[in-house]
Amino acid sequence: MTEEISKAPAKIGWDSLFLKGSVVDLDISIWTARTGIKAADLGIENTDEVHKALSLGCHRLAPKGAFDEIREIASQAKRTVEFYSLNFSFVRGARYVPEKRMQPLLEKLRGIKERFDGAADRFSQEENYGAVRAEMLPIMRKALEDATRNPALVESAYNRVLAEYPTSAEVRARFALAWSVYAIRGATTEAAAEAAEQETSAAKGIIRGMVEQLRGEFTERCGAIMAAIAKGGKIPQGTLEAAKETLTRIDEMNIFGDAELYNQTAALRDIIGKAEANSGKMFSGGVLAELAKIQTSINTSVEQAVRDAENNLTQMGRRKLDLSAAPAPAEA
């Protein structure tokens, strides 16, 4: 059973944001297995007009589904980071992870990386990589023949594309899954003080994104339960489990002490508990009315929640964020 959060989150200040969280930046590389089509491949003179007017596309060096396993593992890594974190708009693509969620996140990422590396190793082994080339080369030659109808051009283009294939070792180096963890600290220089207004504006952008993200997740789960009840009066167990998981995540990520969100997650938990005790059946129209009231409360109070969080954070002091100066040990 998913562990429930029984204690309302404490309000967080500016310094607490620095001390009780880190930023994670996930870095994933996957070989594109493509090379551009050149005008000469099709027997076309590469004039300025051709360059400006025609988009010649690319040669596919591997079958479309060749990287499905690797891509799925990479997607799992992204989903995992998203589940344990919130948006952090100071750094593009990076995520803010509260201190207590960092260890479970890193443990899961290590397991995912092991699977990613294993899949990349298997693909780049000569017998497997060679099979990919062997599958694509006849298709590529046939495509060139259909495009040009000129044996000399076909042979020239085919040899040119063949040379674009990297070696097995080079292919393996084009697959990577890694992450960096950065501690957040405040700079105390005069330059940082002079930038106070800009810093406050940026901090407010982060706050709004985090508050709205959590409330959006809550509203989505609440809506799923309402839809299930409206459809047949019964909430599937999978819907209940997904809602409980989301509520636990929301309570753990409610770092700004959004009291209304905390109260409404408690109210939704109560409804879920009653549904589970009744084998998922919720026939009462009053339940739908209660859920609608919960959603309305969340939607109408979001601006106040943002203002409260901004006041709690930015009034504690204005200090410029500095990520690069205090990196935590990187995870490879």
Protein backbone atom coordinates (compact mmCIF):
# COMPACT_ATOMS: atom_id res chain seq x y z
CA MET A 1 0.00 0.00 0.00
CA THR A 2 1.26 3.46 -0.86
CA GLU A 3 2.52 5.32 2.18
CA GLU A 4 0.35 8.27 3.10
CA ILE A 5 1.64 11.67 4.15
CA SER A 6 0.11 12.60 7.50
CA LYS A 7 1.93 15.81 8.31
CA ALA A 8 1.27 19.08 6.54
CA PRO A 9 4.39 20.45 4.79
CA ALA A 10 6.27 23.29 6.41
CA LYS A 11 6.48 26.57 4.55
CA ILE A 12 9.77 26.98 2.73
CA GLY A 13 11.87 30.13 2.53
CA TRP A 14 14.54 31.26 0.09
CA ASP A 15 17.43 29.77 2.07
CA SER A 16 15.49 26.55 2.61
CA LEU A 17 15.06 26.17 -1.14
CA PHE A 18 18.85 26.25 -1.46
CA LEU A 19 19.55 23.91 1.43
CA LYS A 20 16.81 21.32 0.97
CA GLY A 21 16.98 20.51 -2.69
CA SER A 22 19.25 19.95 -5.66
CA VAL A 23 18.98 20.26 -9.42
CA VAL A 24 19.25 17.21 -11.66
CA ASP A 25 20.13 17.51 -15.33
CA LEU A 26 19.55 14.32 -17.35
CA ASP A 27 21.66 13.83 -20.48
CA ILE A 28 20.66 11.18 -23.05
CA SER A 29 22.31 10.50 -26.40
CA ILE A 30 20.98 8.07 -29.02
CA TRP A 31 22.50 7.53 -32.46
CA THR A 32 20.24 9.01 -35.13
CA ALA A 33 21.40 6.44 -37.73
CA ARG A 34 20.83 8.88 -40.57
CA THR A 35 22.91 10.75 -43.11
CA GLY A 36 21.80 13.49 -45.43
CA ILE A 37 21.00 12.85 -49.09
CA LYS A 38 23.30 14.82 -51.35
CA ALA A 39 22.29 16.18 -54.73
CA ALA A 40 25.00 14.05 -56.38
CA ASP A 41 23.32 10.89 -55.02
CA LEU A 42 20.38 11.63 -57.33
CA GLY A 43 22.37 12.94 -60.27
CA ILE A 44 21.30 16.52 -59.54
CA GLU A 45 23.68 19.43 -59.97
CA ASN A 46 24.10 21.10 -56.60
CA THR A 47 23.35 24.67 -57.68
CA ASP A 48 22.30 27.50 -55.43
CA GLU A 49 18.77 27.12 -56.73
CA VAL A 50 18.69 23.42 -55.84
CA HIS A 51 20.04 24.19 -52.40
CA LYS A 52 17.42 26.87 -51.80
CA ALA A 53 14.41 25.12 -53.32
CA LEU A 54 14.79 21.40 -52.61
CA SER A 55 14.85 19.52 -49.34
CA LEU A 56 16.49 16.21 -50.17
CA GLY A 57 15.93 14.47 -46.85
CA CYS A 58 18.16 11.73 -45.50
CA HIS A 59 19.26 8.12 -45.84
CA ARG A 60 18.17 5.85 -42.99
CA LEU A 61 21.11 3.71 -41.89
CA ALA A 62 19.10 1.41 -39.62
CA PRO A 63 15.54 0.05 -39.64
CA LYS A 64 12.95 2.30 -38.04
CA GLY A 65 12.44 0.09 -34.98
CA ALA A 66 16.10 -0.74 -34.40
CA PHE A 67 16.35 1.43 -31.28
CA ASP A 68 12.91 0.78 -29.77
CA GLU A 69 14.31 -0.92 -26.67
CA ILE A 70 16.93 1.76 -26.09
CA ARG A 71 14.43 4.58 -26.65
CA GLU A 72 11.94 3.04 -24.24
CA ILE A 73 14.58 2.80 -21.51
CA ALA A 74 15.55 6.42 -22.16
CA SER A 75 11.89 7.44 -21.90
CA GLN A 76 11.65 5.60 -18.60
CA ALA A 77 14.63 7.59 -17.32
CA LYS A 78 12.88 10.85 -18.25
CA ARG A 79 9.61 9.75 -16.63
CA THR A 80 11.45 8.73 -13.48
CA VAL A 81 13.21 12.09 -13.14
CA GLU A 82 9.90 13.88 -13.74
CA PHE A 83 8.16 11.80 -11.07
CA TYR A 84 10.73 12.66 -8.41
CA SER A 85 11.10 16.32 -9.32
CA LEU A 86 9.54 19.61 -10.34
CA ASN A 87 10.23 21.99 -13.20
CA PHE A 88 13.18 24.32 -12.59
CA SER A 89 13.10 27.08 -15.18
CA PHE A 90 16.46 28.62 -14.20
CA VAL A 91 18.22 25.84 -16.13
CA ARG A 92 16.69 24.55 -19.35
CA GLY A 93 15.83 20.88 -19.05
CA ALA A 94 16.93 20.63 -15.41
CA ARG A 95 14.63 19.57 -12.58
CA TYR A 96 14.43 20.52 -8.90
CA VAL A 97 14.57 17.51 -6.55
CA PRO A 98 13.76 17.90 -2.84
CA GLU A 99 16.40 16.43 -0.58
CA LYS A 100 14.33 13.47 0.64
CA ARG A 101 13.54 12.36 -2.90
CA MET A 102 17.10 12.46 -4.20
CA GLN A 103 18.27 9.08 -2.92
CA PRO A 104 15.34 7.04 -4.31
CA LEU A 105 15.68 8.90 -7.61
CA LEU A 106 19.39 8.09 -7.91
CA GLU A 107 18.80 4.44 -7.04
CA LYS A 108 16.21 4.12 -9.80
CA LEU A 109 18.38 5.98 -12.31
CA ARG A 110 21.31 3.66 -11.64
CA GLY A 111 19.12 0.65 -12.41
CA ILE A 112 17.79 2.28 -15.58
CA LYS A 113 21.31 3.21 -16.70
CA GLU A 114 22.42 -0.38 -16.28
CA ARG A 115 19.61 -1.52 -18.57
CA PHE A 116 20.34 1.28 -21.06
CA ASP A 117 24.04 0.38 -21.22
CA GLY A 118 23.19 -3.30 -21.65
CA ALA A 119 20.84 -2.58 -24.55
CA ALA A 120 23.41 -0.28 -26.20
CA ASP A 121 26.14 -2.91 -25.74
CA ARG A 122 23.98 -5.57 -27.38
CA PHE A 123 23.08 -3.35 -30.33
CA SER A 124 26.68 -2.36 -31.01
CA GLN A 125 28.06 -5.91 -30.95
CA GLU A 126 29.39 -6.66 -34.41
CA GLU A 127 27.02 -9.53 -35.10
CA ASN A 128 23.97 -7.43 -34.22
CA TYR A 129 25.18 -4.19 -35.76
CA GLY A 130 26.27 -6.12 -38.83
CA ALA A 131 22.79 -7.61 -39.14
CA VAL A 132 21.32 -4.11 -39.11
CA ARG A 133 23.62 -3.03 -41.94
CA ALA A 134 22.86 -6.19 -43.87
CA GLU A 135 19.15 -5.53 -43.57
CA MET A 136 19.32 -1.91 -44.70
CA LEU A 137 21.88 -1.99 -47.51
CA PRO A 138 19.75 -3.87 -50.08
CA ILE A 139 16.84 -1.57 -49.31
CA MET A 140 19.07 1.46 -49.74
CA ARG A 141 20.46 0.21 -53.06
CA LYS A 142 16.96 -0.46 -54.37
CA ALA A 143 15.84 3.02 -53.31
CA LEU A 144 18.81 4.58 -55.14
CA GLU A 145 18.07 2.54 -58.25
CA ASP A 146 14.45 3.67 -58.21
CA ALA A 147 15.51 7.29 -57.71
CA THR A 148 18.20 7.60 -60.39
CA ARG A 149 17.90 4.77 -62.94
CA ASN A 150 21.61 5.34 -63.58
CA PRO A 151 23.91 2.42 -62.56
CA ALA A 152 26.99 4.62 -62.27
CA LEU A 153 25.20 7.10 -60.01
CA VAL A 154 23.71 4.27 -57.96
CA GLU A 155 27.13 2.75 -57.33
CA SER A 156 28.69 6.08 -56.44
CA ALA A 157 25.88 7.05 -54.07
CA TYR A 158 25.77 3.58 -52.52
CA ASN A 159 29.50 3.59 -51.75
CA ARG A 160 29.27 7.09 -50.36
CA VAL A 161 26.48 6.12 -47.95
CA LEU A 162 28.22 2.85 -47.06
CA ALA A 163 31.20 4.87 -45.88
CA GLU A 164 28.91 6.80 -43.53
CA TYR A 165 28.43 3.75 -41.29
CA PRO A 166 30.55 4.09 -38.13
CA THR A 167 32.42 1.16 -36.66
CA SER A 168 30.90 -0.90 -33.85
CA ALA A 169 33.01 0.95 -31.27
CA GLU A 170 32.01 4.31 -32.72
CA VAL A 171 28.34 3.32 -32.64
CA ARG A 172 28.54 2.34 -28.97
CA ALA A 173 30.01 5.73 -28.12
CA ARG A 174 26.92 7.40 -29.60
CA PHE A 175 24.63 5.96 -26.93
CA ALA A 176 24.84 7.48 -23.47
CA LEU A 177 22.65 8.03 -20.44
CA ALA A 178 24.08 10.15 -17.64
CA TRP A 179 23.04 12.85 -15.22
CA SER A 180 24.55 15.65 -13.19
CA VAL A 181 23.45 16.73 -9.73
CA TYR A 182 24.03 20.33 -8.71
CA ALA A 183 23.76 21.80 -5.25
CA ILE A 184 22.08 25.20 -5.13
CA ARG A 185 23.66 27.98 -3.16
CA GLY A 186 23.34 31.71 -2.97
CA ALA A 187 26.06 34.09 -4.06
CA THR A 188 26.85 36.90 -1.65
CA THR A 189 28.67 39.32 -3.95
CA GLU A 190 27.68 42.92 -4.59
CA ALA A 191 26.83 41.98 -8.17
CA ALA A 192 24.27 39.55 -6.84
CA ALA A 193 22.72 42.25 -4.70
CA GLU A 194 22.49 44.61 -7.65
CA ALA A 195 20.59 41.92 -9.58
CA ALA A 196 18.01 41.47 -6.81
CA GLU A 197 15.01 42.58 -8.82
CA GLN A 198 15.86 40.26 -11.69
CA GLU A 199 16.46 37.39 -9.29
CA THR A 200 13.11 37.91 -7.60
CA SER A 201 11.34 37.85 -10.96
CA ALA A 202 13.08 34.63 -11.95
CA ALA A 203 12.30 33.05 -8.59
CA LYS A 204 8.63 33.92 -9.00
CA GLY A 205 8.62 32.18 -12.36
CA ILE A 206 9.95 29.02 -10.76
CA ILE A 207 7.40 29.21 -7.97
CA ARG A 208 4.41 29.62 -10.26
CA GLY A 209 5.53 26.71 -12.41
CA MET A 210 5.92 24.41 -9.41
CA VAL A 211 2.62 25.37 -7.78
CA GLU A 212 0.66 25.08 -11.02
CA GLN A 213 2.31 21.80 -11.93
CA LEU A 214 1.30 20.08 -8.69
CA ARG A 215 -2.21 21.47 -8.79
CA GLY A 216 -2.56 20.38 -12.40
CA GLU A 217 -1.56 16.83 -11.50
CA PHE A 218 -4.07 16.82 -8.66
CA THR A 219 -6.88 18.10 -10.89
CA GLU A 220 -6.09 15.48 -13.53
CA ARG A 221 -6.37 12.59 -11.05
CA CYS A 222 -9.50 14.02 -9.50
CA GLY A 223 -11.03 14.31 -12.96
CA ALA A 224 -10.17 10.69 -13.76
CA ILE A 225 -12.07 9.54 -10.66
CA MET A 226 -15.05 11.72 -11.55
CA ALA A 227 -15.10 10.32 -15.08
CA ALA A 228 -15.05 6.75 -13.77
CA ILE A 229 -17.94 7.40 -11.38
CA ALA A 230 -19.98 9.19 -14.06
CA LYS A 231 -19.39 6.35 -16.49
CA GLY A 232 -20.46 3.41 -14.35
CA GLY A 233 -20.49 4.28 -10.68
CA LYS A 234 -17.38 2.18 -10.02
CA ILE A 235 -13.78 3.31 -9.80
CA PRO A 236 -11.32 0.74 -11.24
CA GLN A 237 -8.60 -0.35 -8.84
CA GLY A 238 -5.94 0.85 -11.28
CA THR A 239 -7.44 4.35 -11.18
CA LEU A 240 -7.44 4.30 -7.40
CA GLU A 241 -3.82 3.13 -7.21
CA ALA A 242 -2.70 5.77 -9.72
CA ALA A 243 -4.50 8.44 -7.70
CA LYS A 244 -2.89 7.33 -4.44
CA GLU A 245 0.55 7.35 -6.03
CA THR A 246 -0.04 10.86 -7.37
CA LEU A 247 -1.28 12.11 -4.00
CA THR A 248 1.81 10.76 -2.25
CA ARG A 249 4.04 12.45 -4.83
CA ILE A 250 2.12 15.73 -4.49
CA ASP A 251 2.44 15.77 -0.70
CA GLU A 252 6.15 15.03 -0.91
CA MET A 253 6.68 17.70 -3.57
CA ASN A 254 4.55 20.35 -1.85
CA ILE A 255 7.69 22.20 -0.83
CA PHE A 256 6.07 25.65 -0.64
CA GLY A 257 3.55 24.59 1.99
CA ASP A 258 0.48 24.99 -0.23
CA ALA A 259 -2.09 24.52 2.55
CA GLU A 260 -5.13 24.35 0.29
CA LEU A 261 -3.52 21.68 -1.87
CA TYR A 262 -2.64 19.71 1.27
CA ASN A 263 -6.23 19.96 2.54
CA GLN A 264 -7.70 18.82 -0.75
CA THR A 265 -5.32 15.88 -1.12
CA ALA A 266 -6.51 14.79 2.33
CA ALA A 267 -10.14 15.14 1.20
CA LEU A 268 -9.50 13.11 -1.95
CA ARG A 269 -7.69 10.44 0.07
CA ASP A 270 -10.78 10.12 2.23
CA ILE A 271 -12.94 9.54 -0.84
CA ILE A 272 -10.48 6.97 -2.17
CA GLY A 273 -10.47 5.16 1.16
CA LYS A 274 -14.27 4.93 1.14
CA ALA A 275 -14.23 3.68 -2.45
CA GLU A 276 -11.71 0.96 -1.61
CA ALA A 277 -13.76 -0.11 1.41
CA ASN A 278 -16.74 -0.44 -0.92
CA SER A 279 -14.84 -2.36 -3.65
CA GLY A 280 -14.61 0.74 -5.81
CA LYS A 281 -18.35 1.44 -5.92
CA MET A 282 -19.37 5.08 -5.47
CA PHE A 283 -22.99 5.39 -6.56
CA SER A 284 -23.86 8.51 -4.59
CA GLY A 285 -24.36 11.67 -6.58
CA GLY A 286 -23.08 13.47 -3.52
CA VAL A 287 -19.63 12.00 -4.16
CA LEU A 288 -19.48 13.65 -7.58
CA ALA A 289 -20.59 16.93 -6.03
CA GLU A 290 -17.86 16.60 -3.40
CA LEU A 291 -15.22 15.93 -6.06
CA ALA A 292 -16.44 18.88 -8.11
CA LYS A 293 -16.16 21.07 -5.02
CA ILE A 294 -12.59 19.87 -4.48
CA GLN A 295 -11.65 20.72 -8.07
CA THR A 296 -13.29 24.13 -7.85
CA SER A 297 -11.39 24.92 -4.67
CA ILE A 298 -8.08 23.97 -6.27
CA ASN A 299 -8.75 25.94 -9.46
CA THR A 300 -10.01 29.11 -7.78
CA SER A 301 -7.29 29.31 -5.13
CA VAL A 302 -4.25 28.87 -7.38
CA GLU A 303 -3.41 32.58 -7.63
CA GLN A 304 -3.50 32.97 -3.85
CA ALA A 305 -1.29 29.90 -3.48
CA VAL A 306 1.24 31.42 -5.89
CA ARG A 307 1.22 34.73 -4.03
CA ASP A 308 1.68 33.01 -0.67
CA ALA A 309 4.58 30.94 -1.98
CA GLU A 310 6.21 33.99 -3.57
CA ASN A 311 5.97 35.93 -0.33
CA ASN A 312 7.38 33.08 1.74
CA LEU A 313 10.29 32.60 -0.64
CA THR A 314 11.35 36.01 -1.81
CA GLN A 315 10.88 37.89 1.46
CA MET A 316 13.42 35.64 3.18
CA GLY A 317 16.20 37.41 1.32
CA ARG A 318 17.39 37.97 -2.22
CA ARG A 319 20.43 36.05 -3.32
CA LYS A 320 21.50 35.16 -6.79
CA LEU A 321 21.33 31.49 -7.74
CA ASP A 322 24.69 29.95 -8.52
CA LEU A 323 24.60 26.36 -9.78
CA SER A 324 28.02 25.91 -11.34
CA ALA A 325 29.96 27.06 -8.30
CA ALA A 326 28.80 24.28 -6.02
CA PRO A 327 28.22 21.08 -7.96
CA ALA A 328 27.42 17.94 -6.05
CA PRO A 329 29.18 14.76 -7.25
CA ALA A 330 27.97 13.95 -10.76
CA GLU A 331 26.31 10.63 -11.50
CA ALA A 332 27.63 8.90 -14.60
